[in-house]
C-alpha atoms as a PDB file:
ATOM      1  CA  MET A   1     -28.933  42.987  79.631  1.00  0.00           C
ATOM      2  CA  THR A   2     -26.354  44.135  82.139  1.00  0.00           C
ATOM      3  CA  THR A   3     -25.226  47.651  82.998  1.00  0.00           C
ATOM      4  CA  ALA A   4     -22.065  47.010  80.978  1.00  0.00           C
ATOM      5  CA  ASP A   5     -24.201  46.044  77.959  1.00  0.00           C
ATOM      6  CA  TYR A   6     -26.158  49.309  78.220  1.00  0.00           C
ATOM      7  CA  ALA A   7     -22.970  51.349  78.584  1.00  0.00           C
ATOM      8  CA  GLU A   8     -21.511  49.664  75.501  1.00  0.00           C
ATOM      9  CA  ILE A   9     -24.606  50.568  73.476  1.00  0.00           C
ATOM     10  CA  LEU A  10     -24.522  54.150  74.754  1.00  0.00           C
ATOM     11  CA  ASN A  11     -20.856  54.460  73.785  1.00  0.00           C
ATOM     12  CA  GLY A  12     -22.040  54.410  70.170  1.00  0.00           C
ATOM     13  CA  PHE A  13     -23.272  57.988  70.734  1.00  0.00           C
ATOM     14  CA  ALA A  14     -20.776  60.852  70.451  1.00  0.00           C
ATOM     15  CA  ASP A  15     -22.840  63.042  72.796  1.00  0.00           C
ATOM     16  CA  PRO A  16     -23.439  62.322  76.489  1.00  0.00           C
ATOM     17  CA  ALA A  17     -26.139  59.703  76.941  1.00  0.00           C
ATOM     18  CA  PHE A  18     -27.740  58.162  80.005  1.00  0.00           C
ATOM     19  CA  ILE A  19     -30.204  55.406  80.777  1.00  0.00           C
ATOM     20  CA  LEU A  20     -32.325  56.288  83.782  1.00  0.00           C
ATOM     21  CA  GLY A  21     -34.537  53.993  85.792  1.00  0.00           C
ATOM     22  CA  GLY A  22     -38.121  54.811  86.681  1.00  0.00           C
ATOM     23  CA  ASP A  23     -36.807  56.333  89.911  1.00  0.00           C
ATOM     24  CA  ARG A  24     -34.635  58.790  87.905  1.00  0.00           C
ATOM     25  CA  LYS A  25     -31.461  56.994  89.018  1.00  0.00           C
ATOM     26  CA  VAL A  26     -28.659  56.408  86.524  1.00  0.00           C
ATOM     27  CA  ALA A  27     -28.563  52.852  85.215  1.00  0.00           C
ATOM     28  CA  ALA A  28     -25.801  53.536  82.665  1.00  0.00           C
ATOM     29  CA  ALA A  29     -23.843  56.402  81.093  1.00  0.00           C
ATOM     30  CA  ASN A  30     -21.556  56.553  78.091  1.00  0.00           C
ATOM     31  CA  ALA A  31     -17.928  57.678  77.880  1.00  0.00           C
ATOM     32  CA  ALA A  32     -18.925  61.174  76.662  1.00  0.00           C
ATOM     33  CA  ALA A  33     -21.113  61.638  79.757  1.00  0.00           C
ATOM     34  CA  HIS A  34     -18.215  60.643  82.010  1.00  0.00           C
ATOM     35  CA  ARG A  35     -15.904  63.015  80.140  1.00  0.00           C
ATOM     36  CA  ILE A  36     -18.244  66.006  80.519  1.00  0.00           C
ATOM     37  CA  PHE A  37     -19.862  65.349  83.908  1.00  0.00           C
ATOM     38  CA  GLY A  38     -17.043  63.457  85.635  1.00  0.00           C
ATOM     39  CA  GLN A  39     -17.176  59.973  87.078  1.00  0.00           C
ATOM     40  CA  ILE A  40     -20.826  58.929  87.279  1.00  0.00           C
ATOM     41  CA  SER A  41     -21.872  56.133  89.604  1.00  0.00           C
ATOM     42  CA  THR A  42     -24.835  53.974  88.759  1.00  0.00           C
ATOM     43  CA  GLY A  43     -27.678  54.363  91.206  1.00  0.00           C
ATOM     44  CA  VAL A  44     -27.188  58.097  91.700  1.00  0.00           C
ATOM     45  CA  ASP A  45     -30.220  60.361  91.185  1.00  0.00           C
ATOM     46  CA  PHE A  46     -29.850  62.259  87.895  1.00  0.00           C
ATOM     47  CA  VAL A  47     -30.500  65.542  89.712  1.00  0.00           C
ATOM     48  CA  ARG A  48     -27.007  65.191  91.210  1.00  0.00           C
ATOM     49  CA  ILE A  49     -25.562  65.254  87.692  1.00  0.00           C
ATOM     50  CA  MET A  50     -27.668  67.918  86.050  1.00  0.00           C
ATOM     51  CA  ARG A  51     -29.836  70.460  87.808  1.00  0.00           C
ATOM     52  CA  GLN A  52     -31.307  72.209  84.788  1.00  0.00           C
ATOM     53  CA  PRO A  53     -34.991  72.576  85.756  1.00  0.00           C
ATOM     54  CA  GLU A  54     -36.156  72.282  82.157  1.00  0.00           C
ATOM     55  CA  VAL A  55     -34.359  68.954  81.650  1.00  0.00           C
ATOM     56  CA  LEU A  56     -35.558  67.559  84.985  1.00  0.00           C
ATOM     57  CA  HIS A  57     -39.108  68.660  84.149  1.00  0.00           C
ATOM     58  CA  LEU A  58     -39.005  66.727  80.849  1.00  0.00           C
ATOM     59  CA  ILE A  59     -37.636  63.646  82.613  1.00  0.00           C
ATOM     60  CA  ASN A  60     -40.404  63.821  85.214  1.00  0.00           C
ATOM     61  CA  GLN A  61     -43.025  64.234  82.471  1.00  0.00           C
ATOM     62  CA  CYS A  62     -41.715  61.132  80.713  1.00  0.00           C
ATOM     63  CA  ARG A  63     -41.716  59.207  83.989  1.00  0.00           C
ATOM     64  CA  SER A  64     -45.350  60.107  84.635  1.00  0.00           C
ATOM     65  CA  GLY A  65     -46.444  59.415  81.068  1.00  0.00           C
ATOM     66  CA  GLU A  66     -47.299  63.069  80.370  1.00  0.00           C
ATOM     67  CA  ALA A  67     -44.734  63.518  77.581  1.00  0.00           C
ATOM     68  CA  ARG A  68     -43.879  61.622  74.447  1.00  0.00           C
ATOM     69  CA  LEU A  69     -41.119  59.078  74.690  1.00  0.00           C
ATOM     70  CA  GLU A  70     -38.895  61.586  72.938  1.00  0.00           C
ATOM     71  CA  ASP A  71     -38.895  65.314  73.387  1.00  0.00           C
ATOM     72  CA  VAL A  72     -36.252  67.858  72.486  1.00  0.00           C
ATOM     73  CA  LEU A  73     -35.220  70.827  74.605  1.00  0.00           C
ATOM     74  CA  THR A  74     -32.666  73.438  73.570  1.00  0.00           C
ATOM     75  CA  LEU A  75     -31.121  75.453  76.384  1.00  0.00           C
ATOM     76  CA  ASP A  76     -29.455  78.792  75.866  1.00  0.00           C
ATOM     77  CA  SER A  77     -27.480  79.040  79.084  1.00  0.00           C
ATOM     78  CA  SER A  78     -24.028  78.184  80.373  1.00  0.00           C
ATOM     79  CA  LEU A  79     -24.861  74.567  79.571  1.00  0.00           C
ATOM     80  CA  ARG A  80     -25.735  74.842  75.910  1.00  0.00           C
ATOM     81  CA  GLY A  81     -27.123  71.852  74.156  1.00  0.00           C
ATOM     82  CA  VAL A  82     -30.028  69.927  72.821  1.00  0.00           C
ATOM     83  CA  PHE A  83     -31.470  67.323  75.149  1.00  0.00           C
ATOM     84  CA  ARG A  84     -33.520  64.382  73.939  1.00  0.00           C
ATOM     85  CA  VAL A  85     -35.589  62.883  76.716  1.00  0.00           C
END
């Protein structure tokens, strides 16, 4: 599959969605992600898009195999939302 294929799949989600590589770099993002976070280039480290420590911690846990493939985090801050990692 190509990056365009992944982006097309992600565009089926109404909420922002990303596909990250094992190095935490963005492989694809949907239209909602671009709308909320601005133009997102593939290959950029996700930390440049979102710096919420709790979200980055979950991503790092998934990368190291410490967390389930899906985990949910609800933030009560200026960036409110539920994040599925």
